[in-house]
């Protein structure tokens, strides 16, 4: 029931509002319980909505990071850590 109220508020009131303060005031006027539930479920999401994307090339960023991972030698550290960890696991398991 609360989810239906929240969906109704989002579809009816939010498109007509100019900022998030007005949106929160509308939610408070509608139902204090709905606001608390919405705040608990979307507490971390509010900041994500307000961020701007500087470089939208996500795959390019991943490729650049992976190439840096290989060139910097971190892949060797990962491989050695996995092998040593596997050896220690086998030595300590009975």
Protein backbone atom coordinates (compact mmCIF):
# COMPACT_ATOMS: atom_id res chain seq x y z
CA UNK A 1 0.00 0.00 0.00
CA UNK A 2 2.81 2.38 0.87
CA UNK A 3 4.59 1.57 -2.40
CA UNK A 4 1.41 2.45 -4.31
CA UNK A 5 1.26 5.82 -2.53
CA UNK A 6 4.89 6.50 -3.35
CA UNK A 7 4.38 5.56 -7.00
CA UNK A 8 1.33 7.83 -7.16
CA UNK A 9 3.33 10.71 -5.69
CA UNK A 10 6.24 10.18 -8.06
CA UNK A 11 4.07 10.01 -11.17
CA UNK A 12 1.64 12.80 -10.27
CA UNK A 13 3.55 15.37 -8.24
CA UNK A 14 7.25 15.13 -9.01
CA UNK A 15 7.15 16.01 -12.73
CA UNK A 16 5.49 19.35 -11.84
CA UNK A 17 8.01 20.28 -9.15
CA UNK A 18 11.06 22.42 -9.72
CA UNK A 19 13.43 21.09 -7.07
CA UNK A 20 13.80 18.26 -4.57
CA UNK A 21 12.83 20.44 -1.60
CA UNK A 22 9.35 20.89 -3.11
CA UNK A 23 9.21 17.15 -3.73
CA UNK A 24 10.05 16.37 -0.12
CA UNK A 25 7.45 18.87 1.10
CA UNK A 26 4.81 17.19 -1.05
CA UNK A 27 5.80 13.81 0.32
CA UNK A 28 5.65 15.12 3.90
CA UNK A 29 2.19 16.58 3.36
CA UNK A 30 0.92 13.34 1.81
CA UNK A 31 2.11 10.94 4.49
CA UNK A 32 4.83 11.05 7.10
CA UNK A 33 5.06 7.26 7.07
CA UNK A 34 5.53 7.18 3.31
CA UNK A 35 8.31 9.73 3.58
CA UNK A 36 10.12 7.71 6.21
CA UNK A 37 9.81 4.54 4.14
CA UNK A 38 10.99 6.37 1.02
CA UNK A 39 13.92 7.90 2.88
CA UNK A 40 15.02 4.50 4.20
CA UNK A 41 14.83 2.86 0.77
CA UNK A 42 16.41 5.65 -1.24
CA UNK A 43 18.76 7.32 1.22
CA UNK A 44 21.84 6.53 -0.88
CA UNK A 45 20.06 7.04 -4.21
CA UNK A 46 19.41 10.79 -3.80
CA UNK A 47 23.10 11.59 -4.20
CA UNK A 48 23.40 9.42 -7.29
CA UNK A 49 20.59 11.33 -8.99
CA UNK A 50 22.37 14.64 -8.44
CA UNK A 51 25.72 13.64 -9.95
CA UNK A 52 26.89 14.67 -13.38
CA UNK A 53 28.82 12.40 -15.71
CA UNK A 54 32.10 13.85 -16.96
CA UNK A 55 33.10 11.01 -19.31
CA UNK A 56 30.26 8.72 -20.45
CA UNK A 57 32.61 6.24 -22.18
CA UNK A 58 32.29 3.49 -19.55
CA UNK A 59 33.76 0.70 -21.69
CA UNK A 60 36.70 2.91 -22.62
CA UNK A 61 37.33 3.64 -18.93
CA UNK A 62 37.20 -0.08 -18.13
CA UNK A 63 39.65 -0.86 -20.94
CA UNK A 64 42.01 1.89 -19.76
CA UNK A 65 41.87 0.59 -16.18
CA UNK A 66 42.50 -3.00 -17.28
CA UNK A 67 45.46 -1.94 -19.43
CA UNK A 68 46.88 -0.04 -16.44
CA UNK A 69 46.33 -3.15 -14.29
CA UNK A 70 48.42 -5.20 -16.74
CA UNK A 71 51.15 -2.57 -17.39
CA UNK A 72 51.69 -1.76 -13.71
CA UNK A 73 52.35 -5.41 -12.82
CA UNK A 74 49.38 -5.72 -10.49
CA UNK A 75 48.27 -8.80 -12.42
CA UNK A 76 51.44 -10.57 -11.22
CA UNK A 77 50.70 -9.62 -7.63
CA UNK A 78 47.18 -10.99 -8.02
CA UNK A 79 48.44 -14.25 -9.54
CA UNK A 80 51.12 -14.76 -6.90
CA UNK A 81 48.61 -13.98 -4.14
CA UNK A 82 46.13 -16.51 -5.51
CA UNK A 83 48.79 -19.24 -5.78
CA UNK A 84 50.21 -18.60 -2.30
CA UNK A 85 46.71 -18.42 -0.83
CA UNK A 86 45.75 -21.70 -2.48
CA UNK A 87 48.92 -23.35 -1.16
CA UNK A 88 48.28 -22.08 2.39
CA UNK A 89 44.67 -23.26 2.20
CA UNK A 90 45.78 -26.73 1.18
CA UNK A 91 48.44 -26.86 3.90
CA UNK A 92 46.02 -25.84 6.65
CA UNK A 93 43.03 -27.99 5.66
CA UNK A 94 42.86 -31.51 7.04
